[in-house]
Amino acid sequence: MDRLYRSEIPAIAKALEKQRLVDEYRDMREHWAFLDGILGLAAGLSGKKRKPKLTSPDDFLSKDFEKSVERILKEAQPAKQTDWASLVEDVKAPRA
């Protein structure tokens, strides 16, 4: 196993913190989705004539927390790059 340098430790700690935050968001969303399903079932079985209010798991989560997780997920995804060379070749190619 390679040795870690002291300068690498903060970057590793930051990456682990981001991963923990994303995992925590996923867990919270799953728990609230379950609760939302139970509440929807209870509202449907209550026998009231009024249409129950539709909710989603995101209604129970903090908007600031969601924004921070979205920002982390956007940072993790590589930017989509278009292969312009192949597109130019297709345009230049004579049509038969």
PDB file of N, CA and C in Angstrom:
ATOM      1  N   MET A   1       0.848  -1.181   0.000  1.00  0.00           N
ATOM      2  CA  MET A   1       0.000   0.000   0.000  1.00  0.00           C
ATOM      3  C   MET A   1       0.891   1.241   0.000  1.00  0.00           C
ATOM      4  N   ASP A   2       0.501   2.224  -0.794  1.00  0.00           N
ATOM      5  CA  ASP A   2       1.270   3.460  -0.863  1.00  0.00           C
ATOM      6  C   ASP A   2       1.082   4.267   0.412  1.00  0.00           C
ATOM      7  N   ARG A   3       2.077   5.044   0.693  1.00  0.00           N
ATOM      8  CA  ARG A   3       1.998   5.902   1.870  1.00  0.00           C
ATOM      9  C   ARG A   3       1.309   7.203   1.514  1.00  0.00           C
ATOM     10  N   LEU A   4       0.581   7.720   2.440  1.00  0.00           N
ATOM     11  CA  LEU A   4      -0.077   9.003   2.241  1.00  0.00           C
ATOM     12  C   LEU A   4       0.829  10.120   2.715  1.00  0.00           C
ATOM     13  N   TYR A   5       0.800  11.200   1.975  1.00  0.00           N
ATOM     14  CA  TYR A   5       1.527  12.381   2.394  1.00  0.00           C
ATOM     15  C   TYR A   5       0.606  13.248   3.236  1.00  0.00           C
ATOM     16  N   ARG A   6       1.214  14.052   4.091  1.00  0.00           N
ATOM     17  CA  ARG A   6       0.450  14.913   4.974  1.00  0.00           C
ATOM     18  C   ARG A   6      -0.440  15.884   4.184  1.00  0.00           C
ATOM     19  N   SER A   7       0.023  16.299   3.036  1.00  0.00           N
ATOM     20  CA  SER A   7      -0.736  17.258   2.233  1.00  0.00           C
ATOM     21  C   SER A   7      -1.985  16.634   1.607  1.00  0.00           C
ATOM     22  N   GLU A   8      -2.052  15.319   1.524  1.00  0.00           N
ATOM     23  CA  GLU A   8      -3.198  14.648   0.923  1.00  0.00           C
ATOM     24  C   GLU A   8      -4.350  14.445   1.911  1.00  0.00           C
ATOM     25  N   ILE A   9      -4.068  14.500   3.186  1.00  0.00           N
ATOM     26  CA  ILE A   9      -5.072  14.208   4.206  1.00  0.00           C
ATOM     27  C   ILE A   9      -6.265  15.170   4.162  1.00  0.00           C
ATOM     28  N   PRO A  10      -6.076  16.495   4.029  1.00  0.00           N
ATOM     29  CA  PRO A  10      -7.258  17.380   3.969  1.00  0.00           C
ATOM     30  C   PRO A  10      -8.160  17.094   2.765  1.00  0.00           C
ATOM     31  N   ALA A  11      -7.582  16.769   1.617  1.00  0.00           N
ATOM     32  CA  ALA A  11      -8.387  16.472   0.430  1.00  0.00           C
ATOM     33  C   ALA A  11      -9.191  15.188   0.638  1.00  0.00           C
ATOM     34  N   ILE A  12      -8.579  14.199   1.263  1.00  0.00           N
ATOM     35  CA  ILE A  12      -9.273  12.937   1.538  1.00  0.00           C
ATOM     36  C   ILE A  12     -10.393  13.165   2.548  1.00  0.00           C
ATOM     37  N   ALA A  13     -10.119  13.961   3.575  1.00  0.00           N
ATOM     38  CA  ALA A  13     -11.142  14.255   4.582  1.00  0.00           C
ATOM     39  C   ALA A  13     -12.322  15.003   3.963  1.00  0.00           C
ATOM     40  N   LYS A  14     -12.037  15.936   3.053  1.00  0.00           N
ATOM     41  CA  LYS A  14     -13.101  16.689   2.395  1.00  0.00           C
ATOM     42  C   LYS A  14     -13.941  15.770   1.511  1.00  0.00           C
ATOM     43  N   ALA A  15     -13.297  14.857   0.792  1.00  0.00           N
ATOM     44  CA  ALA A  15     -14.026  13.910  -0.060  1.00  0.00           C
ATOM     45  C   ALA A  15     -14.897  12.982   0.782  1.00  0.00           C
ATOM     46  N   LEU A  16     -14.386  12.531   1.918  1.00  0.00           N
ATOM     47  CA  LEU A  16     -15.166  11.671   2.801  1.00  0.00           C
ATOM     48  C   LEU A  16     -16.358  12.420   3.402  1.00  0.00           C
ATOM     49  N   GLU A  17     -16.172  13.696   3.711  1.00  0.00           N
ATOM     50  CA  GLU A  17     -17.265  14.506   4.250  1.00  0.00           C
ATOM     51  C   GLU A  17     -18.362  14.671   3.201  1.00  0.00           C
ATOM     52  N   LYS A  18     -17.973  14.902   1.955  1.00  0.00           N
ATOM     53  CA  LYS A  18     -18.963  15.015   0.880  1.00  0.00           C
ATOM     54  C   LYS A  18     -19.725  13.703   0.705  1.00  0.00           C
ATOM     55  N   GLN A  19     -19.006  12.589   0.764  1.00  0.00           N
ATOM     56  CA  GLN A  19     -19.654  11.286   0.612  1.00  0.00           C
ATOM     57  C   GLN A  19     -20.618  11.021   1.759  1.00  0.00           C
ATOM     58  N   ARG A  20     -20.237  11.405   2.970  1.00  0.00           N
ATOM     59  CA  ARG A  20     -21.099  11.227   4.127  1.00  0.00           C
ATOM     60  C   ARG A  20     -22.361  12.067   3.982  1.00  0.00           C
ATOM     61  N   LEU A  21     -22.219  13.287   3.472  1.00  0.00           N
ATOM     62  CA  LEU A  21     -23.362  14.163   3.290  1.00  0.00           C
ATOM     63  C   LEU A  21     -24.325  13.599   2.243  1.00  0.00           C
ATOM     64  N   VAL A  22     -23.798  13.070   1.148  1.00  0.00           N
ATOM     65  CA  VAL A  22     -24.645  12.483   0.110  1.00  0.00           C
ATOM     66  C   VAL A  22     -25.347  11.231   0.637  1.00  0.00           C
ATOM     67  N   ASP A  23     -24.635  10.402   1.390  1.00  0.00           N
ATOM     68  CA  ASP A  23     -25.249   9.205   1.981  1.00  0.00           C
ATOM     69  C   ASP A  23     -26.355   9.582   2.973  1.00  0.00           C
ATOM     70  N   GLU A  24     -26.100  10.619   3.768  1.00  0.00           N
ATOM     71  CA  GLU A  24     -27.092  11.075   4.740  1.00  0.00           C
ATOM     72  C   GLU A  24     -28.339  11.585   4.014  1.00  0.00           C
ATOM     73  N   TYR A  25     -28.155  12.310   2.913  1.00  0.00           N
ATOM     74  CA  TYR A  25     -29.284  12.808   2.121  1.00  0.00           C
ATOM     75  C   TYR A  25     -30.103  11.648   1.568  1.00  0.00           C
ATOM     76  N   ARG A  26     -29.422  10.632   1.030  1.00  0.00           N
ATOM     77  CA  ARG A  26     -30.128   9.470   0.480  1.00  0.00           C
ATOM     78  C   ARG A  26     -30.940   8.763   1.561  1.00  0.00           C
ATOM     79  N   ASP A  27     -30.332   8.573   2.731  1.00  0.00           N
ATOM     80  CA  ASP A  27     -31.034   7.910   3.833  1.00  0.00           C
ATOM     81  C   ASP A  27     -32.253   8.713   4.292  1.00  0.00           C
ATOM     82  N   MET A  28     -32.077  10.026   4.436  1.00  0.00           N
ATOM     83  CA  MET A  28     -33.183  10.870   4.873  1.00  0.00           C
ATOM     84  C   MET A  28     -34.310  10.839   3.851  1.00  0.00           C
ATOM     85  N   ARG A  29     -33.951  10.872   2.589  1.00  0.00           N
ATOM     86  CA  ARG A  29     -34.970  10.854   1.528  1.00  0.00           C
ATOM     87  C   ARG A  29     -35.739   9.536   1.538  1.00  0.00           C
ATOM     88  N   GLU A  30     -35.040   8.420   1.761  1.00  0.00           N
ATOM     89  CA  GLU A  30     -35.710   7.121   1.834  1.00  0.00           C
ATOM     90  C   GLU A  30     -36.667   7.054   3.020  1.00  0.00           C
ATOM     91  N   HIS A  31     -36.236   7.555   4.172  1.00  0.00           N
ATOM     92  CA  HIS A  31     -37.090   7.534   5.364  1.00  0.00           C
ATOM     93  C   HIS A  31     -38.334   8.401   5.148  1.00  0.00           C
ATOM     94  N   TRP A  32     -38.146   9.597   4.582  1.00  0.00           N
ATOM     95  CA  TRP A  32     -39.280  10.479   4.368  1.00  0.00           C
ATOM     96  C   TRP A  32     -40.193   9.950   3.270  1.00  0.00           C
ATOM     97  N   ALA A  33     -39.636   9.238   2.286  1.00  0.00           N
ATOM     98  CA  ALA A  33     -40.476   8.635   1.247  1.00  0.00           C
ATOM     99  C   ALA A  33     -41.390   7.577   1.865  1.00  0.00           C
ATOM    100  N   PHE A  34     -40.854   6.806   2.787  1.00  0.00           N
ATOM    101  CA  PHE A  34     -41.660   5.806   3.482  1.00  0.00           C
ATOM    102  C   PHE A  34     -42.771   6.475   4.282  1.00  0.00           C
ATOM    103  N   LEU A  35     -42.410   7.517   5.039  1.00  0.00           N
ATOM    104  CA  LEU A  35     -43.399   8.235   5.841  1.00  0.00           C
ATOM    105  C   LEU A  35     -44.451   8.873   4.941  1.00  0.00           C
ATOM    106  N   ASP A  36     -44.028   9.428   3.810  1.00  0.00           N
ATOM    107  CA  ASP A  36     -44.961  10.030   2.868  1.00  0.00           C
ATOM    108  C   ASP A  36     -45.938   8.981   2.333  1.00  0.00           C
ATOM    109  N   GLY A  37     -45.445   7.787   2.079  1.00  0.00           N
ATOM    110  CA  GLY A  37     -46.327   6.712   1.621  1.00  0.00           C
ATOM    111  C   GLY A  37     -47.346   6.325   2.667  1.00  0.00           C
ATOM    112  N   ILE A  38     -46.917   6.248   3.910  1.00  0.00           N
ATOM    113  CA  ILE A  38     -47.835   5.910   5.009  1.00  0.00           C
ATOM    114  C   ILE A  38     -48.885   6.999   5.178  1.00  0.00           C
ATOM    115  N   LEU A  39     -48.460   8.264   5.119  1.00  0.00           N
ATOM    116  CA  LEU A  39     -49.415   9.367   5.262  1.00  0.00           C
ATOM    117  C   LEU A  39     -50.411   9.378   4.111  1.00  0.00           C
ATOM    118  N   GLY A  40     -49.939   9.091   2.914  1.00  0.00           N
ATOM    119  CA  GLY A  40     -50.841   9.046   1.767  1.00  0.00           C
ATOM    120  C   GLY A  40     -51.843   7.917   1.891  1.00  0.00           C
ATOM    121  N   LEU A  41     -51.399   6.777   2.377  1.00  0.00           N
ATOM    122  CA  LEU A  41     -52.294   5.643   2.575  1.00  0.00           C
ATOM    123  C   LEU A  41     -53.332   5.957   3.645  1.00  0.00           C
ATOM    124  N   ALA A  42     -52.876   6.574   4.726  1.00  0.00           N
ATOM    125  CA  ALA A  42     -53.803   6.930   5.810  1.00  0.00           C
ATOM    126  C   ALA A  42     -54.830   7.955   5.327  1.00  0.00           C
ATOM    127  N   ALA A  43     -54.399   8.906   4.520  1.00  0.00           N
ATOM    128  CA  ALA A  43     -55.328   9.917   4.003  1.00  0.00           C
ATOM    129  C   ALA A  43     -56.331   9.275   3.052  1.00  0.00           C
ATOM    130  N   GLY A  44     -55.876   8.303   2.279  1.00  0.00           N
ATOM    131  CA  GLY A  44     -56.776   7.625   1.349  1.00  0.00           C
ATOM    132  C   GLY A  44     -57.794   6.758   2.059  1.00  0.00           C
ATOM    133  N   LEU A  45     -57.421   6.174   3.188  1.00  0.00           N
ATOM    134  CA  LEU A  45     -58.317   5.283   3.924  1.00  0.00           C
ATOM    135  C   LEU A  45     -59.175   6.009   4.956  1.00  0.00           C
ATOM    136  N   SER A  46     -58.988   7.321   5.093  1.00  0.00           N
ATOM    137  CA  SER A  46     -59.717   8.045   6.133  1.00  0.00           C
ATOM    138  C   SER A  46     -61.206   8.169   5.827  1.00  0.00           C
ATOM    139  N   GLY A  47     -61.589   7.999   4.569  1.00  0.00           N
ATOM    140  CA  GLY A  47     -62.999   8.040   4.226  1.00  0.00           C
ATOM    141  C   GLY A  47     -63.523   9.431   3.969  1.00  0.00           C
ATOM    142  N   LYS A  48     -62.667  10.438   3.998  1.00  0.00           N
ATOM    143  CA  LYS A  48     -63.116  11.797   3.735  1.00  0.00           C
ATOM    144  C   LYS A  48     -63.345  11.976   2.233  1.00  0.00           C
ATOM    145  N   LYS A  49     -64.274  12.820   1.899  1.00  0.00           N
ATOM    146  CA  LYS A  49     -64.590  13.086   0.499  1.00  0.00           C
ATOM    147  C   LYS A  49     -63.562  14.011  -0.137  1.00  0.00           C
ATOM    148  N   ARG A  50     -62.900  14.792   0.691  1.00  0.00           N
ATOM    149  CA  ARG A  50     -61.949  15.763   0.170  1.00  0.00           C
ATOM    150  C   ARG A  50     -60.713  15.060  -0.382  1.00  0.00           C
ATOM    151  N   LYS A  51     -60.174  15.573  -1.473  1.00  0.00           N
ATOM    152  CA  LYS A  51     -58.983  14.993  -2.085  1.00  0.00           C
ATOM    153  C   LYS A  51     -57.775  15.267  -1.186  1.00  0.00           C
ATOM    154  N   PRO A  52     -56.984  14.226  -0.848  1.00  0.00           N
ATOM    155  CA  PRO A  52     -55.841  14.452   0.029  1.00  0.00           C
ATOM    156  C   PRO A  52     -54.755  15.263  -0.675  1.00  0.00           C
ATOM    157  N   LYS A  53     -54.035  16.051   0.101  1.00  0.00           N
ATOM    158  CA  LYS A  53     -52.941  16.859  -0.434  1.00  0.00           C
ATOM    159  C   LYS A  53     -51.798  15.936  -0.847  1.00  0.00           C
ATOM    160  N   LEU A  54     -51.298  16.130  -2.055  1.00  0.00           N
ATOM    161  CA  LEU A  54     -50.175  15.325  -2.534  1.00  0.00           C
ATOM    162  C   LEU A  54     -48.877  15.888  -1.979  1.00  0.00           C
ATOM    163  N   THR A  55     -48.049  15.015  -1.461  1.00  0.00           N
ATOM    164  CA  THR A  55     -46.756  15.427  -0.926  1.00  0.00           C
ATOM    165  C   THR A  55     -45.670  14.579  -1.552  1.00  0.00           C
ATOM    166  N   SER A  56     -44.456  15.039  -1.378  1.00  0.00           N
ATOM    167  CA  SER A  56     -43.300  14.273  -1.835  1.00  0.00           C
ATOM    168  C   SER A  56     -42.258  14.287  -0.722  1.00  0.00           C
ATOM    169  N   PRO A  57     -41.289  13.389  -0.765  1.00  0.00           N
ATOM    170  CA  PRO A  57     -40.265  13.374   0.287  1.00  0.00           C
ATOM    171  C   PRO A  57     -39.491  14.686   0.367  1.00  0.00           C
ATOM    172  N   ASP A  58     -39.377  15.392  -0.750  1.00  0.00           N
ATOM    173  CA  ASP A  58     -38.643  16.655  -0.752  1.00  0.00           C
ATOM    174  C   ASP A  58     -39.339  17.729   0.075  1.00  0.00           C
ATOM    175  N   ASP A  59     -40.639  17.590   0.298  1.00  0.00           N
ATOM    176  CA  ASP A  59     -41.368  18.563   1.105  1.00  0.00           C
ATOM    177  C   ASP A  59     -40.900  18.558   2.561  1.00  0.00           C
ATOM    178  N   PHE A  60     -40.338  17.450   3.010  1.00  0.00           N
ATOM    179  CA  PHE A  60     -39.927  17.314   4.404  1.00  0.00           C
ATOM    180  C   PHE A  60     -38.467  17.707   4.639  1.00  0.00           C
ATOM    181  N   LEU A  61     -37.687  17.865   3.555  1.00  0.00           N
ATOM    182  CA  LEU A  61     -36.258  18.149   3.687  1.00  0.00           C
ATOM    183  C   LEU A  61     -35.993  19.646   3.582  1.00  0.00           C
ATOM    184  N   SER A  62     -34.945  20.089   4.239  1.00  0.00           N
ATOM    185  CA  SER A  62     -34.548  21.489   4.206  1.00  0.00           C
ATOM    186  C   SER A  62     -34.061  21.867   2.806  1.00  0.00           C
ATOM    187  N   LYS A  63     -34.478  23.025   2.332  1.00  0.00           N
ATOM    188  CA  LYS A  63     -34.077  23.482   0.996  1.00  0.00           C
ATOM    189  C   LYS A  63     -32.575  23.775   0.937  1.00  0.00           C
ATOM    190  N   ASP A  64     -32.007  24.300   2.033  1.00  0.00           N
ATOM    191  CA  ASP A  64     -30.570  24.570   2.067  1.00  0.00           C
ATOM    192  C   ASP A  64     -29.768  23.279   1.970  1.00  0.00           C
ATOM    193  N   PHE A  65     -30.245  22.251   2.664  1.00  0.00           N
ATOM    194  CA  PHE A  65     -29.574  20.951   2.626  1.00  0.00           C
ATOM    195  C   PHE A  65     -29.629  20.369   1.216  1.00  0.00           C
ATOM    196  N   GLU A  66     -30.791  20.485   0.574  1.00  0.00           N
ATOM    197  CA  GLU A  66     -30.942  19.979  -0.791  1.00  0.00           C
ATOM    198  C   GLU A  66     -30.016  20.717  -1.754  1.00  0.00           C
ATOM    199  N   LYS A  67     -29.905  22.041  -1.598  1.00  0.00           N
ATOM    200  CA  LYS A  67     -29.041  22.828  -2.479  1.00  0.00           C
ATOM    201  C   LYS A  67     -27.584  22.433  -2.315  1.00  0.00           C
ATOM    202  N   SER A  68     -27.146  22.200  -1.077  1.00  0.00           N
ATOM    203  CA  SER A  68     -25.754  21.823  -0.859  1.00  0.00           C
ATOM    204  C   SER A  68     -25.458  20.445  -1.451  1.00  0.00           C
ATOM    205  N   VAL A  69     -26.396  19.522  -1.349  1.00  0.00           N
ATOM    206  CA  VAL A  69     -26.205  18.192  -1.937  1.00  0.00           C
ATOM    207  C   VAL A  69     -26.204  18.280  -3.463  1.00  0.00           C
ATOM    208  N   GLU A  70     -27.093  19.097  -4.020  1.00  0.00           N
ATOM    209  CA  GLU A  70     -27.125  19.272  -5.482  1.00  0.00           C
ATOM    210  C   GLU A  70     -25.801  19.835  -5.978  1.00  0.00           C
ATOM    211  N   ARG A  71     -25.244  20.800  -5.245  1.00  0.00           N
ATOM    212  CA  ARG A  71     -23.966  21.399  -5.628  1.00  0.00           C
ATOM    213  C   ARG A  71     -22.847  20.359  -5.607  1.00  0.00           C
ATOM    214  N   ILE A  72     -22.854  19.515  -4.593  1.00  0.00           N
ATOM    215  CA  ILE A  72     -21.826  18.469  -4.488  1.00  0.00           C
ATOM    216  C   ILE A  72     -21.969  17.474  -5.634  1.00  0.00           C
ATOM    217  N   LEU A  73     -23.206  17.102  -5.954  1.00  0.00           N
ATOM    218  CA  LEU A  73     -23.414  16.147  -7.033  1.00  0.00           C
ATOM    219  C   LEU A  73     -23.026  16.732  -8.392  1.00  0.00           C
ATOM    220  N   LYS A  74     -23.262  18.031  -8.590  1.00  0.00           N
ATOM    221  CA  LYS A  74     -22.857  18.667  -9.842  1.00  0.00           C
ATOM    222  C   LYS A  74     -21.342  18.714  -9.964  1.00  0.00           C
ATOM    223  N   GLU A  75     -20.650  18.954  -8.856  1.00  0.00           N
ATOM    224  CA  GLU A  75     -19.187  18.974  -8.871  1.00  0.00           C
ATOM    225  C   GLU A  75     -18.628  17.600  -9.213  1.00  0.00           C
ATOM    226  N   ALA A  76     -19.302  16.560  -8.767  1.00  0.00           N
ATOM    227  CA  ALA A  76     -18.809  15.201  -8.968  1.00  0.00           C
ATOM    228  C   ALA A  76     -18.993  14.727 -10.405  1.00  0.00           C
ATOM    229  N   GLN A  77     -19.985  15.264 -11.106  1.00  0.00           N
ATOM    230  CA  GLN A  77     -20.242  14.829 -12.474  1.00  0.00           C
ATOM    231  C   GLN A  77     -19.308  15.557 -13.430  1.00  0.00           C
ATOM    232  N   PRO A  78     -18.657  14.809 -14.325  1.00  0.00           N
ATOM    233  CA  PRO A  78     -17.796  15.477 -15.303  1.00  0.00           C
ATOM    234  C   PRO A  78     -18.646  16.254 -16.304  1.00  0.00           C
ATOM    235  N   ALA A  79     -18.088  17.358 -16.787  1.00  0.00           N
ATOM    236  CA  ALA A  79     -18.804  18.163 -17.769  1.00  0.00           C
ATOM    237  C   ALA A  79     -18.918  17.401 -19.082  1.00  0.00           C
ATOM    238  N   LYS A  80     -20.072  17.520 -19.697  1.00  0.00           N
ATOM    239  CA  LYS A  80     -20.298  16.806 -20.959  1.00  0.00           C
ATOM    240  C   LYS A  80     -19.505  17.509 -22.058  1.00  0.00           C
ATOM    241  N   GLN A  81     -18.684  16.742 -22.756  1.00  0.00           N
ATOM    242  CA  GLN A  81     -17.882  17.306 -23.834  1.00  0.00           C
ATOM    243  C   GLN A  81     -18.326  16.682 -25.148  1.00  0.00           C
ATOM    244  N   THR A  82     -18.481  17.539 -26.139  1.00  0.00           N
ATOM    245  CA  THR A  82     -18.897  17.066 -27.446  1.00  0.00           C
ATOM    246  C   THR A  82     -17.660  16.808 -28.293  1.00  0.00           C
ATOM    247  N   ASP A  83     -17.670  15.715 -29.006  1.00  0.00           N
ATOM    248  CA  ASP A  83     -16.568  15.379 -29.898  1.00  0.00           C
ATOM    249  C   ASP A  83     -16.820  16.089 -31.228  1.00  0.00           C
ATOM    250  N   TRP A  84     -16.321  17.319 -31.305  1.00  0.00           N
ATOM    251  CA  TRP A  84     -16.568  18.133 -32.485  1.00  0.00           C
ATOM    252  C   TRP A  84     -15.871  17.569 -33.722  1.00  0.00           C
ATOM    253  N   ALA A  85     -14.744  16.917 -33.562  1.00  0.00           N
ATOM    254  CA  ALA A  85     -13.992  16.416 -34.706  1.00  0.00           C
ATOM    255  C   ALA A  85     -14.818  15.415 -35.512  1.00  0.00           C
ATOM    256  N   SER A  86     -15.481  14.493 -34.835  1.00  0.00           N
ATOM    257  CA  SER A  86     -16.289  13.507 -35.560  1.00  0.00           C
ATOM    258  C   SER A  86     -17.483  14.163 -36.244  1.00  0.00           C
ATOM    259  N   LEU A  87     -18.058  15.203 -35.638  1.00  0.00           N
ATOM    260  CA  LEU A  87     -19.173  15.899 -36.263  1.00  0.00           C
ATOM    261  C   LEU A  87     -18.734  16.658 -37.513  1.00  0.00           C
ATOM    262  N   VAL A  88     -17.548  17.271 -37.454  1.00  0.00           N
ATOM    263  CA  VAL A  88     -17.007  17.994 -38.614  1.00  0.00           C
ATOM    264  C   VAL A  88     -16.713  17.006 -39.736  1.00  0.00           C
ATOM    265  N   GLU A  89     -16.165  15.854 -39.387  1.00  0.00           N
ATOM    266  CA  GLU A  89     -15.876  14.830 -40.409  1.00  0.00           C
ATOM    267  C   GLU A  89     -17.167  14.353 -41.093  1.00  0.00           C
ATOM    268  N   ASP A  90     -18.233  14.220 -40.322  1.00  0.00           N
ATOM    269  CA  ASP A  90     -19.504  13.792 -40.904  1.00  0.00           C
ATOM    270  C   ASP A  90     -20.038  14.818 -41.895  1.00  0.00           C
ATOM    271  N   VAL A  91     -19.853  16.089 -41.573  1.00  0.00           N
ATOM    272  CA  VAL A  91     -20.346  17.144 -42.455  1.00  0.00           C
ATOM    273  C   VAL A  91     -19.496  17.222 -43.723  1.00  0.00           C
ATOM    274  N   LYS A  92     -18.183  17.063 -43.579  1.00  0.00           N
ATOM    275  CA  LYS A  92     -17.277  17.150 -44.735  1.00  0.00           C
ATOM    276  C   LYS A  92     -17.379  15.950 -45.656  1.00  0.00           C
ATOM    277  N   ALA A  93     -17.785  14.812 -45.142  1.00  0.00           N
ATOM    278  CA  ALA A  93     -17.836  13.582 -45.950  1.00  0.00           C
ATOM    279  C   ALA A  93     -18.850  13.756 -47.084  1.00  0.00           C
ATOM    280  N   PRO A  94     -18.438  13.356 -48.326  1.00  0.00           N
ATOM    281  CA  PRO A  94     -19.386  13.456 -49.447  1.00  0.00           C
ATOM    282  C   PRO A  94     -20.509  12.432 -49.292  1.00  0.00           C
ATOM    283  N   ARG A  95     -21.684  12.886 -49.649  1.00  0.00           N
ATOM    284  CA  ARG A  95     -22.836  11.992 -49.533  1.00  0.00           C
ATOM    285  C   ARG A  95     -22.979  11.173 -50.811  1.00  0.00           C
ATOM    286  N   ALA A  96     -23.264   9.915 -50.629  1.00  0.00           N
ATOM    287  CA  ALA A  96     -23.370   9.037 -51.804  1.00  0.00           C
ATOM    288  C   ALA A  96     -24.797   8.836 -52.202  1.00  0.00           C
TER     289      ALA A  96
END
